[in-house]
Amino acid sequence: MATWTIANLERNVADGGVTVAHWRVTEEETVGDDTFTASAYGTVGFTPDADADDFVAYDSLTEEVVMGWVHAEVDQSATEAALTANIEGQKNPVSADGMPW
């Protein structure tokens, strides 16, 4: 199961409007003694309007609210599918490198 988090927020100091949310998603799968991990990191930009009815200032935000903003802009299903595919590639590699000696 993928875990989404907000890594950082950038904001306007004057009104507390968030201009950028930095997000991270990580998926992990353990098979026997091996743990496979894949993650993605991205940003979403916003143009806050302090006069809007739905404006939420920085001091009043929760991670849940910001995550809702991120999920409105980022294709959650496609992002998680890419992580799952990455883990499958780690578990079943199609190429390798190294030396035979």
PDB file of N, CA and C in Angstrom:
ATOM      1  N   MET A   1       0.836  -1.177   0.000  1.00  0.00           N
ATOM      2  CA  MET A   1       0.000   0.000   0.000  1.00  0.00           C
ATOM      3  C   MET A   1       0.884   1.245   0.000  1.00  0.00           C
ATOM      4  N   ALA A   2       0.530   2.180  -0.818  1.00  0.00           N
ATOM      5  CA  ALA A   2       1.323   3.408  -0.941  1.00  0.00           C
ATOM      6  C   ALA A   2       1.030   4.353   0.216  1.00  0.00           C
ATOM      7  N   THR A   3       2.074   5.041   0.648  1.00  0.00           N
ATOM      8  CA  THR A   3       1.964   6.044   1.711  1.00  0.00           C
ATOM      9  C   THR A   3       2.304   7.403   1.129  1.00  0.00           C
ATOM     10  N   TRP A   4       1.346   8.316   1.173  1.00  0.00           N
ATOM     11  CA  TRP A   4       1.524   9.677   0.677  1.00  0.00           C
ATOM     12  C   TRP A   4       1.804  10.608   1.844  1.00  0.00           C
ATOM     13  N   THR A   5       2.763  11.523   1.671  1.00  0.00           N
ATOM     14  CA  THR A   5       3.057  12.535   2.689  1.00  0.00           C
ATOM     15  C   THR A   5       3.351  13.871   2.011  1.00  0.00           C
ATOM     16  N   ILE A   6       3.197  14.919   2.780  1.00  0.00           N
ATOM     17  CA  ILE A   6       3.608  16.243   2.330  1.00  0.00           C
ATOM     18  C   ILE A   6       4.983  16.494   2.919  1.00  0.00           C
ATOM     19  N   ALA A   7       5.964  16.742   2.048  1.00  0.00           N
ATOM     20  CA  ALA A   7       7.354  16.913   2.486  1.00  0.00           C
ATOM     21  C   ALA A   7       7.671  18.352   2.882  1.00  0.00           C
ATOM     22  N   ASN A   8       6.998  19.312   2.230  1.00  0.00           N
ATOM     23  CA  ASN A   8       7.282  20.720   2.522  1.00  0.00           C
ATOM     24  C   ASN A   8       6.210  21.577   1.870  1.00  0.00           C
ATOM     25  N   LEU A   9       6.028  22.788   2.401  1.00  0.00           N
ATOM     26  CA  LEU A   9       5.123  23.767   1.812  1.00  0.00           C
ATOM     27  C   LEU A   9       5.865  25.082   1.632  1.00  0.00           C
ATOM     28  N   GLU A  10       5.600  25.746   0.515  1.00  0.00           N
ATOM     29  CA  GLU A  10       6.087  27.104   0.293  1.00  0.00           C
ATOM     30  C   GLU A  10       4.867  28.010   0.359  1.00  0.00           C
ATOM     31  N   ARG A  11       5.038  29.212   0.959  1.00  0.00           N
ATOM     32  CA  ARG A  11       3.882  30.081   1.161  1.00  0.00           C
ATOM     33  C   ARG A  11       4.265  31.548   1.038  1.00  0.00           C
ATOM     34  N   ASN A  12       3.231  32.354   0.818  1.00  0.00           N
ATOM     35  CA  ASN A  12       3.375  33.803   0.879  1.00  0.00           C
ATOM     36  C   ASN A  12       3.373  34.196   2.348  1.00  0.00           C
ATOM     37  N   VAL A  13       4.351  34.958   2.769  1.00  0.00           N
ATOM     38  CA  VAL A  13       4.436  35.383   4.165  1.00  0.00           C
ATOM     39  C   VAL A  13       3.295  36.345   4.501  1.00  0.00           C
ATOM     40  N   ALA A  14       2.946  37.216   3.576  1.00  0.00           N
ATOM     41  CA  ALA A  14       1.950  38.255   3.848  1.00  0.00           C
ATOM     42  C   ALA A  14       0.579  37.702   4.225  1.00  0.00           C
ATOM     43  N   ASP A  15       0.096  36.697   3.484  1.00  0.00           N
ATOM     44  CA  ASP A  15      -1.263  36.195   3.743  1.00  0.00           C
ATOM     45  C   ASP A  15      -1.321  34.714   4.114  1.00  0.00           C
ATOM     46  N   GLY A  16      -0.196  34.025   4.110  1.00  0.00           N
ATOM     47  CA  GLY A  16      -0.171  32.616   4.466  1.00  0.00           C
ATOM     48  C   GLY A  16      -0.699  31.698   3.387  1.00  0.00           C
ATOM     49  N   GLY A  17      -0.851  32.201   2.183  1.00  0.00           N
ATOM     50  CA  GLY A  17      -1.330  31.374   1.077  1.00  0.00           C
ATOM     51  C   GLY A  17      -0.251  30.431   0.582  1.00  0.00           C
ATOM     52  N   VAL A  18      -0.568  29.158   0.468  1.00  0.00           N
ATOM     53  CA  VAL A  18       0.394  28.154   0.012  1.00  0.00           C
ATOM     54  C   VAL A  18       0.541  28.253  -1.499  1.00  0.00           C
ATOM     55  N   THR A  19       1.774  28.352  -1.959  1.00  0.00           N
ATOM     56  CA  THR A  19       2.062  28.465  -3.385  1.00  0.00           C
ATOM     57  C   THR A  19       2.594  27.164  -3.984  1.00  0.00           C
ATOM     58  N   VAL A  20       3.245  26.333  -3.174  1.00  0.00           N
ATOM     59  CA  VAL A  20       3.791  25.057  -3.660  1.00  0.00           C
ATOM     60  C   VAL A  20       3.705  24.017  -2.554  1.00  0.00           C
ATOM     61  N   ALA A  21       3.221  22.836  -2.918  1.00  0.00           N
ATOM     62  CA  ALA A  21       3.241  21.686  -2.005  1.00  0.00           C
ATOM     63  C   ALA A  21       4.200  20.652  -2.584  1.00  0.00           C
ATOM     64  N   HIS A  22       5.145  20.219  -1.773  1.00  0.00           N
ATOM     65  CA  HIS A  22       6.090  19.161  -2.150  1.00  0.00           C
ATOM     66  C   HIS A  22       5.544  17.870  -1.556  1.00  0.00           C
ATOM     67  N   TRP A  23       5.340  16.861  -2.393  1.00  0.00           N
ATOM     68  CA  TRP A  23       4.761  15.605  -1.919  1.00  0.00           C
ATOM     69  C   TRP A  23       5.693  14.436  -2.210  1.00  0.00           C
ATOM     70  N   ARG A  24       5.484  13.379  -1.444  1.00  0.00           N
ATOM     71  CA  ARG A  24       6.245  12.138  -1.627  1.00  0.00           C
ATOM     72  C   ARG A  24       5.276  10.969  -1.445  1.00  0.00           C
ATOM     73  N   VAL A  25       5.471   9.939  -2.249  1.00  0.00           N
ATOM     74  CA  VAL A  25       4.699   8.708  -2.086  1.00  0.00           C
ATOM     75  C   VAL A  25       5.678   7.543  -2.120  1.00  0.00           C
ATOM     76  N   THR A  26       5.484   6.593  -1.201  1.00  0.00           N
ATOM     77  CA  THR A  26       6.374   5.437  -1.078  1.00  0.00           C
ATOM     78  C   THR A  26       5.536   4.175  -0.997  1.00  0.00           C
ATOM     79  N   GLU A  27       6.001   3.156  -1.674  1.00  0.00           N
ATOM     80  CA  GLU A  27       5.363   1.846  -1.600  1.00  0.00           C
ATOM     81  C   GLU A  27       6.441   0.828  -1.249  1.00  0.00           C
ATOM     82  N   GLU A  28       6.068  -0.126  -0.446  1.00  0.00           N
ATOM     83  CA  GLU A  28       7.027  -1.127   0.025  1.00  0.00           C
ATOM     84  C   GLU A  28       6.368  -2.492   0.021  1.00  0.00           C
ATOM     85  N   GLU A  29       7.142  -3.499  -0.372  1.00  0.00           N
ATOM     86  CA  GLU A  29       6.647  -4.878  -0.343  1.00  0.00           C
ATOM     87  C   GLU A  29       7.762  -5.785   0.172  1.00  0.00           C
ATOM     88  N   THR A  30       7.427  -6.623   1.125  1.00  0.00           N
ATOM     89  CA  THR A  30       8.394  -7.573   1.666  1.00  0.00           C
ATOM     90  C   THR A  30       8.033  -8.969   1.177  1.00  0.00           C
ATOM     91  N   VAL A  31       9.036  -9.641   0.625  1.00  0.00           N
ATOM     92  CA  VAL A  31       8.894 -11.023   0.167  1.00  0.00           C
ATOM     93  C   VAL A  31      10.004 -11.809   0.846  1.00  0.00           C
ATOM     94  N   GLY A  32       9.627 -12.687   1.760  1.00  0.00           N
ATOM     95  CA  GLY A  32      10.638 -13.417   2.523  1.00  0.00           C
ATOM     96  C   GLY A  32      11.489 -12.447   3.321  1.00  0.00           C
ATOM     97  N   ASP A  33      12.801 -12.512   3.110  1.00  0.00           N
ATOM     98  CA  ASP A  33      13.724 -11.620   3.810  1.00  0.00           C
ATOM     99  C   ASP A  33      14.028 -10.335   3.033  1.00  0.00           C
ATOM    100  N   ASP A  34      13.461 -10.224   1.829  1.00  0.00           N
ATOM    101  CA  ASP A  34      13.760  -9.079   0.974  1.00  0.00           C
ATOM    102  C   ASP A  34      12.638  -8.038   1.032  1.00  0.00           C
ATOM    103  N   THR A  35      13.026  -6.777   1.145  1.00  0.00           N
ATOM    104  CA  THR A  35      12.072  -5.679   1.109  1.00  0.00           C
ATOM    105  C   THR A  35      12.369  -4.826  -0.112  1.00  0.00           C
ATOM    106  N   PHE A  36      11.344  -4.600  -0.922  1.00  0.00           N
ATOM    107  CA  PHE A  36      11.453  -3.815  -2.136  1.00  0.00           C
ATOM    108  C   PHE A  36      10.715  -2.498  -1.921  1.00  0.00           C
ATOM    109  N   THR A  37      11.361  -1.392  -2.312  1.00  0.00           N
ATOM    110  CA  THR A  37      10.797  -0.068  -2.080  1.00  0.00           C
ATOM    111  C   THR A  37      10.870   0.754  -3.356  1.00  0.00           C
ATOM    112  N   ALA A  38       9.810   1.516  -3.599  1.00  0.00           N
ATOM    113  CA  ALA A  38       9.788   2.470  -4.710  1.00  0.00           C
ATOM    114  C   ALA A  38       9.148   3.755  -4.191  1.00  0.00           C
ATOM    115  N   SER A  39       9.627   4.888  -4.702  1.00  0.00           N
ATOM    116  CA  SER A  39       9.047   6.151  -4.255  1.00  0.00           C
ATOM    117  C   SER A  39       9.049   7.160  -5.399  1.00  0.00           C
ATOM    118  N   ALA A  40       8.233   8.177  -5.215  1.00  0.00           N
ATOM    119  CA  ALA A  40       8.167   9.288  -6.168  1.00  0.00           C
ATOM    120  C   ALA A  40       8.050  10.577  -5.364  1.00  0.00           C
ATOM    121  N   TYR A  41       8.541  11.654  -5.955  1.00  0.00           N
ATOM    122  CA  TYR A  41       8.526  12.961  -5.311  1.00  0.00           C
ATOM    123  C   TYR A  41       8.086  13.970  -6.358  1.00  0.00           C
ATOM    124  N   GLY A  42       7.265  14.905  -5.960  1.00  0.00           N
ATOM    125  CA  GLY A  42       6.837  15.909  -6.915  1.00  0.00           C
ATOM    126  C   GLY A  42       6.365  17.172  -6.218  1.00  0.00           C
ATOM    127  N   THR A  43       5.983  18.139  -7.019  1.00  0.00           N
ATOM    128  CA  THR A  43       5.457  19.392  -6.498  1.00  0.00           C
ATOM    129  C   THR A  43       4.187  19.757  -7.246  1.00  0.00           C
ATOM    130  N   VAL A  44       3.338  20.500  -6.567  1.00  0.00           N
ATOM    131  CA  VAL A  44       2.141  21.055  -7.178  1.00  0.00           C
ATOM    132  C   VAL A  44       2.117  22.538  -6.834  1.00  0.00           C
ATOM    133  N   GLY A  45       1.905  23.369  -7.835  1.00  0.00           N
ATOM    134  CA  GLY A  45       1.862  24.810  -7.615  1.00  0.00           C
ATOM    135  C   GLY A  45       0.428  25.312  -7.490  1.00  0.00           C
ATOM    136  N   PHE A  46       0.253  26.340  -6.696  1.00  0.00           N
ATOM    137  CA  PHE A  46      -1.057  26.936  -6.466  1.00  0.00           C
ATOM    138  C   PHE A  46      -0.962  28.450  -6.591  1.00  0.00           C
ATOM    139  N   THR A  47      -2.085  29.065  -6.892  1.00  0.00           N
ATOM    140  CA  THR A  47      -2.197  30.522  -6.906  1.00  0.00           C
ATOM    141  C   THR A  47      -3.247  30.891  -5.865  1.00  0.00           C
ATOM    142  N   PRO A  48      -2.836  31.085  -4.623  1.00  0.00           N
ATOM    143  CA  PRO A  48      -3.802  31.339  -3.558  1.00  0.00           C
ATOM    144  C   PRO A  48      -4.476  32.700  -3.690  1.00  0.00           C
ATOM    145  N   ASP A  49      -5.749  32.744  -3.332  1.00  0.00           N
ATOM    146  CA  ASP A  49      -6.518  33.985  -3.333  1.00  0.00           C
ATOM    147  C   ASP A  49      -7.076  34.173  -1.930  1.00  0.00           C
ATOM    148  N   ALA A  50      -6.466  35.067  -1.165  1.00  0.00           N
ATOM    149  CA  ALA A  50      -6.855  35.273   0.230  1.00  0.00           C
ATOM    150  C   ALA A  50      -8.291  35.764   0.370  1.00  0.00           C
ATOM    151  N   ASP A  51      -8.875  36.267  -0.708  1.00  0.00           N
ATOM    152  CA  ASP A  51     -10.251  36.751  -0.661  1.00  0.00           C
ATOM    153  C   ASP A  51     -11.278  35.676  -1.018  1.00  0.00           C
ATOM    154  N   ALA A  52     -10.835  34.521  -1.457  1.00  0.00           N
ATOM    155  CA  ALA A  52     -11.755  33.438  -1.839  1.00  0.00           C
ATOM    156  C   ALA A  52     -12.391  32.805  -0.607  1.00  0.00           C
ATOM    157  N   ASP A  53     -13.628  32.332  -0.764  1.00  0.00           N
ATOM    158  CA  ASP A  53     -14.351  31.710   0.351  1.00  0.00           C
ATOM    159  C   ASP A  53     -13.670  30.445   0.868  1.00  0.00           C
ATOM    160  N   ASP A  54     -12.991  29.715  -0.033  1.00  0.00           N
ATOM    161  CA  ASP A  54     -12.366  28.453   0.376  1.00  0.00           C
ATOM    162  C   ASP A  54     -10.876  28.596   0.714  1.00  0.00           C
ATOM    163  N   PHE A  55     -10.389  29.822   0.853  1.00  0.00           N
ATOM    164  CA  PHE A  55      -8.978  30.055   1.194  1.00  0.00           C
ATOM    165  C   PHE A  55      -8.686  29.500   2.586  1.00  0.00           C
ATOM    166  N   VAL A  56      -7.566  28.775   2.677  1.00  0.00           N
ATOM    167  CA  VAL A  56      -7.103  28.268   3.973  1.00  0.00           C
ATOM    168  C   VAL A  56      -5.679  28.761   4.161  1.00  0.00           C
ATOM    169  N   ALA A  57      -5.476  29.556   5.186  1.00  0.00           N
ATOM    170  CA  ALA A  57      -4.148  30.088   5.468  1.00  0.00           C
ATOM    171  C   ALA A  57      -3.245  29.006   6.040  1.00  0.00           C
ATOM    172  N   TYR A  58      -1.965  29.208   5.885  1.00  0.00           N
ATOM    173  CA  TYR A  58      -0.937  28.264   6.317  1.00  0.00           C
ATOM    174  C   TYR A  58      -1.145  27.777   7.757  1.00  0.00           C
ATOM    175  N   ASP A  59      -1.399  28.688   8.679  1.00  0.00           N
ATOM    176  CA  ASP A  59      -1.534  28.329  10.092  1.00  0.00           C
ATOM    177  C   ASP A  59      -2.749  27.439  10.386  1.00  0.00           C
ATOM    178  N   SER A  60      -3.696  27.368   9.455  1.00  0.00           N
ATOM    179  CA  SER A  60      -4.910  26.579   9.663  1.00  0.00           C
ATOM    180  C   SER A  60      -4.912  25.269   8.887  1.00  0.00           C
ATOM    181  N   LEU A  61      -3.838  24.981   8.157  1.00  0.00           N
ATOM    182  CA  LEU A  61      -3.792  23.790   7.315  1.00  0.00           C
ATOM    183  C   LEU A  61      -3.523  22.521   8.098  1.00  0.00           C
ATOM    184  N   THR A  62      -4.009  21.416   7.537  1.00  0.00           N
ATOM    185  CA  THR A  62      -3.652  20.082   8.003  1.00  0.00           C
ATOM    186  C   THR A  62      -3.062  19.333   6.801  1.00  0.00           C
ATOM    187  N   GLU A  63      -2.341  18.274   7.080  1.00  0.00           N
ATOM    188  CA  GLU A  63      -1.785  17.480   5.982  1.00  0.00           C
ATOM    189  C   GLU A  63      -2.916  16.906   5.128  1.00  0.00           C
ATOM    190  N   GLU A  64      -4.019  16.553   5.757  1.00  0.00           N
ATOM    191  CA  GLU A  64      -5.164  16.004   5.023  1.00  0.00           C
ATOM    192  C   GLU A  64      -5.706  17.008   3.994  1.00  0.00           C
ATOM    193  N   VAL A  65      -5.811  18.274   4.385  1.00  0.00           N
ATOM    194  CA  VAL A  65      -6.295  19.307   3.458  1.00  0.00           C
ATOM    195  C   VAL A  65      -5.346  19.449   2.274  1.00  0.00           C
ATOM    196  N   VAL A  66      -4.063  19.570   2.557  1.00  0.00           N
ATOM    197  CA  VAL A  66      -3.075  19.748   1.481  1.00  0.00           C
ATOM    198  C   VAL A  66      -3.014  18.503   0.606  1.00  0.00           C
ATOM    199  N   MET A  67      -3.128  17.329   1.198  1.00  0.00           N
ATOM    200  CA  MET A  67      -3.121  16.099   0.405  1.00  0.00           C
ATOM    201  C   MET A  67      -4.313  16.080  -0.547  1.00  0.00           C
ATOM    202  N   GLY A  68      -5.445  16.593  -0.109  1.00  0.00           N
ATOM    203  CA  GLY A  68      -6.601  16.709  -0.999  1.00  0.00           C
ATOM    204  C   GLY A  68      -6.301  17.601  -2.188  1.00  0.00           C
ATOM    205  N   TRP A  69      -5.594  18.708  -1.951  1.00  0.00           N
ATOM    206  CA  TRP A  69      -5.197  19.586  -3.054  1.00  0.00           C
ATOM    207  C   TRP A  69      -4.266  18.853  -4.017  1.00  0.00           C
ATOM    208  N   VAL A  70      -3.304  18.116  -3.462  1.00  0.00           N
ATOM    209  CA  VAL A  70      -2.343  17.379  -4.291  1.00  0.00           C
ATOM    210  C   VAL A  70      -3.063  16.325  -5.119  1.00  0.00           C
ATOM    211  N   HIS A  71      -3.932  15.549  -4.489  1.00  0.00           N
ATOM    212  CA  HIS A  71      -4.634  14.487  -5.209  1.00  0.00           C
ATOM    213  C   HIS A  71      -5.585  15.034  -6.268  1.00  0.00           C
ATOM    214  N   ALA A  72      -6.004  16.271  -6.120  1.00  0.00           N
ATOM    215  CA  ALA A  72      -6.830  16.894  -7.155  1.00  0.00           C
ATOM    216  C   ALA A  72      -6.008  17.206  -8.412  1.00  0.00           C
ATOM    217  N   GLU A  73      -4.689  17.298  -8.263  1.00  0.00           N
ATOM    218  CA  GLU A  73      -3.808  17.656  -9.376  1.00  0.00           C
ATOM    219  C   GLU A  73      -2.944  16.503  -9.891  1.00  0.00           C
ATOM    220  N   VAL A  74      -2.679  15.517  -9.052  1.00  0.00           N
ATOM    221  CA  VAL A  74      -1.787  14.407  -9.401  1.00  0.00           C
ATOM    222  C   VAL A  74      -2.632  13.149  -9.593  1.00  0.00           C
ATOM    223  N   ASP A  75      -2.373  12.412 -10.659  1.00  0.00           N
ATOM    224  CA  ASP A  75      -3.100  11.168 -10.907  1.00  0.00           C
ATOM    225  C   ASP A  75      -2.611  10.107  -9.927  1.00  0.00           C
ATOM    226  N   GLN A  76      -3.339   9.953  -8.841  1.00  0.00           N
ATOM    227  CA  GLN A  76      -2.946   9.053  -7.763  1.00  0.00           C
ATOM    228  C   GLN A  76      -2.842   7.611  -8.256  1.00  0.00           C
ATOM    229  N   SER A  77      -3.815   7.159  -9.018  1.00  0.00           N
ATOM    230  CA  SER A  77      -3.814   5.769  -9.495  1.00  0.00           C
ATOM    231  C   SER A  77      -2.617   5.481 -10.389  1.00  0.00           C
ATOM    232  N   ALA A  78      -2.340   6.387 -11.321  1.00  0.00           N
ATOM    233  CA  ALA A  78      -1.212   6.183 -12.235  1.00  0.00           C
ATOM    234  C   ALA A  78       0.117   6.229 -11.483  1.00  0.00           C
ATOM    235  N   THR A  79       0.224   7.123 -10.517  1.00  0.00           N
ATOM    236  CA  THR A  79       1.454   7.228  -9.732  1.00  0.00           C
ATOM    237  C   THR A  79       1.697   5.959  -8.936  1.00  0.00           C
ATOM    238  N   GLU A  80       0.656   5.450  -8.287  1.00  0.00           N
ATOM    239  CA  GLU A  80       0.796   4.221  -7.504  1.00  0.00           C
ATOM    240  C   GLU A  80       1.032   3.010  -8.403  1.00  0.00           C
ATOM    241  N   ALA A  81       0.432   2.994  -9.585  1.00  0.00           N
ATOM    242  CA  ALA A  81       0.672   1.895 -10.528  1.00  0.00           C
ATOM    243  C   ALA A  81       2.127   1.878 -10.979  1.00  0.00           C
ATOM    244  N   ALA A  82       2.720   3.052 -11.171  1.00  0.00           N
ATOM    245  CA  ALA A  82       4.132   3.129 -11.560  1.00  0.00           C
ATOM    246  C   ALA A  82       5.032   2.601 -10.447  1.00  0.00           C
ATOM    247  N   LEU A  83       4.680   2.883  -9.198  1.00  0.00           N
ATOM    248  CA  LEU A  83       5.467   2.360  -8.075  1.00  0.00           C
ATOM    249  C   LEU A  83       5.362   0.840  -8.006  1.00  0.00           C
ATOM    250  N   THR A  84       4.158   0.332  -8.194  1.00  0.00           N
ATOM    251  CA  THR A  84       3.951  -1.118  -8.184  1.00  0.00           C
ATOM    252  C   THR A  84       4.760  -1.781  -9.299  1.00  0.00           C
ATOM    253  N   ALA A  85       4.754  -1.171 -10.491  1.00  0.00           N
ATOM    254  CA  ALA A  85       5.531  -1.712 -11.615  1.00  0.00           C
ATOM    255  C   ALA A  85       7.021  -1.673 -11.304  1.00  0.00           C
ATOM    256  N   ASN A  86       7.478  -0.627 -10.640  1.00  0.00           N
ATOM    257  CA  ASN A  86       8.881  -0.521 -10.252  1.00  0.00           C
ATOM    258  C   ASN A  86       9.253  -1.666  -9.315  1.00  0.00           C
ATOM    259  N   ILE A  87       8.419  -1.926  -8.342  1.00  0.00           N
ATOM    260  CA  ILE A  87       8.686  -3.018  -7.395  1.00  0.00           C
ATOM    261  C   ILE A  87       8.674  -4.361  -8.109  1.00  0.00           C
ATOM    262  N   GLU A  88       7.740  -4.557  -9.014  1.00  0.00           N
ATOM    263  CA  GLU A  88       7.707  -5.816  -9.780  1.00  0.00           C
ATOM    264  C   GLU A  88       8.994  -5.987 -10.576  1.00  0.00           C
ATOM    265  N   GLY A  89       9.510  -4.884 -11.125  1.00  0.00           N
ATOM    266  CA  GLY A  89      10.784  -4.931 -11.846  1.00  0.00           C
ATOM    267  C   GLY A  89      11.953  -5.272 -10.945  1.00  0.00           C
ATOM    268  N   GLN A  90      11.902  -4.828  -9.698  1.00  0.00           N
ATOM    269  CA  GLN A  90      12.951  -5.170  -8.739  1.00  0.00           C
ATOM    270  C   GLN A  90      12.885  -6.647  -8.374  1.00  0.00           C
ATOM    271  N   LYS A  91      11.680  -7.166  -8.238  1.00  0.00           N
ATOM    272  CA  LYS A  91      11.501  -8.571  -7.854  1.00  0.00           C
ATOM    273  C   LYS A  91      11.830  -9.515  -8.997  1.00  0.00           C
ATOM    274  N   ASN A  92      11.591  -9.086 -10.220  1.00  0.00           N
ATOM    275  CA  ASN A  92      11.785  -9.920 -11.407  1.00  0.00           C
ATOM    276  C   ASN A  92      12.585  -9.161 -12.463  1.00  0.00           C
ATOM    277  N   PRO A  93      13.870  -8.922 -12.219  1.00  0.00           N
ATOM    278  CA  PRO A  93      14.655  -8.116 -13.161  1.00  0.00           C
ATOM    279  C   PRO A  93      14.800  -8.801 -14.517  1.00  0.00           C
ATOM    280  N   VAL A  94      14.840  -7.967 -15.576  1.00  0.00           N
ATOM    281  CA  VAL A  94      14.997  -8.491 -16.928  1.00  0.00           C
ATOM    282  C   VAL A  94      16.424  -8.289 -17.436  1.00  0.00           C
ATOM    283  N   SER A  95      17.233  -7.584 -16.686  1.00  0.00           N
ATOM    284  CA  SER A  95      18.634  -7.400 -17.045  1.00  0.00           C
ATOM    285  C   SER A  95      19.454  -7.325 -15.772  1.00  0.00           C
ATOM    286  N   ALA A  96      20.750  -7.522 -15.934  1.00  0.00           N
ATOM    287  CA  ALA A  96      21.659  -7.469 -14.781  1.00  0.00           C
ATOM    288  C   ALA A  96      23.012  -6.982 -15.280  1.00  0.00           C
ATOM    289  N   ASP A  97      23.859  -6.576 -14.348  1.00  0.00           N
ATOM    290  CA  ASP A  97      25.216  -6.196 -14.700  1.00  0.00           C
ATOM    291  C   ASP A  97      26.172  -6.849 -13.724  1.00  0.00           C
ATOM    292  N   GLY A  98      27.413  -6.715 -13.985  1.00  0.00           N
ATOM    293  CA  GLY A  98      28.413  -7.305 -13.120  1.00  0.00           C
ATOM    294  C   GLY A  98      29.489  -7.996 -13.918  1.00  0.00           C
ATOM    295  N   MET A  99      30.325  -8.732 -13.209  1.00  0.00           N
ATOM    296  CA  MET A  99      31.439  -9.455 -13.821  1.00  0.00           C
ATOM    297  C   MET A  99      31.315 -10.932 -13.458  1.00  0.00           C
ATOM    298  N   PRO A 100      31.674 -11.822 -14.361  1.00  0.00           N
ATOM    299  CA  PRO A 100      31.535 -13.243 -14.064  1.00  0.00           C
ATOM    300  C   PRO A 100      32.649 -13.790 -13.173  1.00  0.00           C
ATOM    301  N   TRP A 101      33.596 -12.999 -12.777  1.00  0.00           N
ATOM    302  CA  TRP A 101      34.663 -13.479 -11.905  1.00  0.00           C
ATOM    303  C   TRP A 101      34.678 -12.775 -10.593  1.00  0.00           C
TER     304      TRP A 101
END
